Amino acid sequence: MNRPIKRSLTLSGHRTSVSLEEEFWQAFRKIAVEKGRPINDLAAEIDADRGTSSGLATAIRVFVLKNHRFLDDD
């Protein structure tokens, strides 16, 4: 696994960034495509649901794991 790379997102009109490993970023993008959702909208939903106990990057990683896309080698 590679080191995290900083990625820019727009959440509810506000720019922010998250640092994610390439594998998690690609899995997150794939989930967004499969759900027919823009990645920024999906990230905003995750951000709204995460509360204050974890950072956005951690919440995205957990979201990816919960969607079991880490098992798909495509």
C-alpha atoms as a PDB file:
ATOM      1  CA  MET A   1       0.000   0.000   0.000  1.00  0.00           C
ATOM      2  CA  ASN A   2       1.204   3.463  -0.876  1.00  0.00           C
ATOM      3  CA  ARG A   3       1.450   6.545   1.301  1.00  0.00           C
ATOM      4  CA  PRO A   4      -1.660   8.744   1.476  1.00  0.00           C
ATOM      5  CA  ILE A   5      -2.081  11.406  -1.201  1.00  0.00           C
ATOM      6  CA  LYS A   6      -3.922  14.653  -0.502  1.00  0.00           C
ATOM      7  CA  ARG A   7      -7.111  14.940  -2.611  1.00  0.00           C
ATOM      8  CA  SER A   8      -9.382  17.960  -2.950  1.00  0.00           C
ATOM      9  CA  LEU A   9     -13.136  17.721  -2.467  1.00  0.00           C
ATOM     10  CA  THR A  10     -15.987  20.208  -2.370  1.00  0.00           C
ATOM     11  CA  LEU A  11     -18.459  19.524   0.435  1.00  0.00           C
ATOM     12  CA  SER A  12     -21.606  21.643   0.469  1.00  0.00           C
ATOM     13  CA  GLY A  13     -19.841  24.395  -1.452  1.00  0.00           C
ATOM     14  CA  HIS A  14     -16.705  24.374   0.722  1.00  0.00           C
ATOM     15  CA  ARG A  15     -13.324  23.125  -0.470  1.00  0.00           C
ATOM     16  CA  THR A  16     -11.514  20.647   1.737  1.00  0.00           C
ATOM     17  CA  SER A  17      -8.921  17.947   1.328  1.00  0.00           C
ATOM     18  CA  VAL A  18      -8.444  14.404   2.530  1.00  0.00           C
ATOM     19  CA  SER A  19      -5.336  12.254   2.531  1.00  0.00           C
ATOM     20  CA  LEU A  20      -6.111   8.758   1.264  1.00  0.00           C
ATOM     21  CA  GLU A  21      -4.032   5.908  -0.031  1.00  0.00           C
ATOM     22  CA  GLU A  22      -4.483   5.360  -3.784  1.00  0.00           C
ATOM     23  CA  GLU A  23      -6.226   2.020  -3.198  1.00  0.00           C
ATOM     24  CA  PHE A  24      -8.860   3.587  -0.944  1.00  0.00           C
ATOM     25  CA  TRP A  25      -9.335   6.541  -3.302  1.00  0.00           C
ATOM     26  CA  GLN A  26      -9.873   4.258  -6.304  1.00  0.00           C
ATOM     27  CA  ALA A  27     -12.300   2.068  -4.343  1.00  0.00           C
ATOM     28  CA  PHE A  28     -14.187   5.165  -3.174  1.00  0.00           C
ATOM     29  CA  ARG A  29     -14.444   6.450  -6.762  1.00  0.00           C
ATOM     30  CA  LYS A  30     -15.659   3.057  -7.952  1.00  0.00           C
ATOM     31  CA  ILE A  31     -18.384   2.977  -5.293  1.00  0.00           C
ATOM     32  CA  ALA A  32     -19.512   6.480  -6.310  1.00  0.00           C
ATOM     33  CA  VAL A  33     -19.759   5.406  -9.963  1.00  0.00           C
ATOM     34  CA  GLU A  34     -21.641   2.228  -9.064  1.00  0.00           C
ATOM     35  CA  LYS A  35     -24.092   4.258  -6.974  1.00  0.00           C
ATOM     36  CA  GLY A  36     -24.440   6.854  -9.749  1.00  0.00           C
ATOM     37  CA  ARG A  37     -23.382   9.617  -7.363  1.00  0.00           C
ATOM     38  CA  PRO A  38     -20.851  12.413  -7.769  1.00  0.00           C
ATOM     39  CA  ILE A  39     -17.893  11.754  -5.486  1.00  0.00           C
ATOM     40  CA  ASN A  40     -18.294  15.152  -3.793  1.00  0.00           C
ATOM     41  CA  ASP A  41     -21.930  14.391  -2.906  1.00  0.00           C
ATOM     42  CA  LEU A  42     -21.028  10.991  -1.500  1.00  0.00           C
ATOM     43  CA  ALA A  43     -18.173  12.528   0.503  1.00  0.00           C
ATOM     44  CA  ALA A  44     -20.531  15.222   1.834  1.00  0.00           C
ATOM     45  CA  GLU A  45     -22.967  12.534   3.000  1.00  0.00           C
ATOM     46  CA  ILE A  46     -20.170  10.627   4.742  1.00  0.00           C
ATOM     47  CA  ASP A  47     -18.946  13.880   6.290  1.00  0.00           C
ATOM     48  CA  ALA A  48     -22.416  14.708   7.634  1.00  0.00           C
ATOM     49  CA  ASP A  49     -22.844  11.205   9.093  1.00  0.00           C
ATOM     50  CA  ARG A  50     -19.417  10.850  10.705  1.00  0.00           C
ATOM     51  CA  GLY A  51     -19.891  13.090  13.703  1.00  0.00           C
ATOM     52  CA  THR A  52     -16.854  14.418  15.521  1.00  0.00           C
ATOM     53  CA  SER A  53     -15.288  11.144  16.600  1.00  0.00           C
ATOM     54  CA  SER A  54     -13.262  10.599  13.421  1.00  0.00           C
ATOM     55  CA  GLY A  55     -11.753  12.520  10.555  1.00  0.00           C
ATOM     56  CA  LEU A  56     -13.169  12.519   7.044  1.00  0.00           C
ATOM     57  CA  ALA A  57     -10.386  10.325   5.616  1.00  0.00           C
ATOM     58  CA  THR A  58     -11.002   7.702   8.294  1.00  0.00           C
ATOM     59  CA  ALA A  59     -14.749   7.863   7.674  1.00  0.00           C
ATOM     60  CA  ILE A  60     -14.192   7.316   3.931  1.00  0.00           C
ATOM     61  CA  ARG A  61     -11.923   4.324   4.606  1.00  0.00           C
ATOM     62  CA  VAL A  62     -14.564   2.783   6.892  1.00  0.00           C
ATOM     63  CA  PHE A  63     -17.240   3.472   4.250  1.00  0.00           C
ATOM     64  CA  VAL A  64     -15.133   1.655   1.637  1.00  0.00           C
ATOM     65  CA  LEU A  65     -14.624  -1.303   3.957  1.00  0.00           C
ATOM     66  CA  LYS A  66     -18.331  -1.458   4.809  1.00  0.00           C
ATOM     67  CA  ASN A  67     -19.121  -1.589   1.102  1.00  0.00           C
ATOM     68  CA  HIS A  68     -16.805  -4.608   0.738  1.00  0.00           C
ATOM     69  CA  ARG A  69     -15.158  -3.229  -2.354  1.00  0.00           C
ATOM     70  CA  PHE A  70     -11.765  -4.154  -0.952  1.00  0.00           C
ATOM     71  CA  LEU A  71     -12.558  -7.746  -1.999  1.00  0.00           C
ATOM     72  CA  ASP A  72     -13.013  -6.776  -5.646  1.00  0.00           C
ATOM     73  CA  ASP A  73      -9.752  -6.909  -7.590  1.00  0.00           C
ATOM     74  CA  ASP A  74     -11.094  -5.167 -10.729  1.00  0.00           C
END
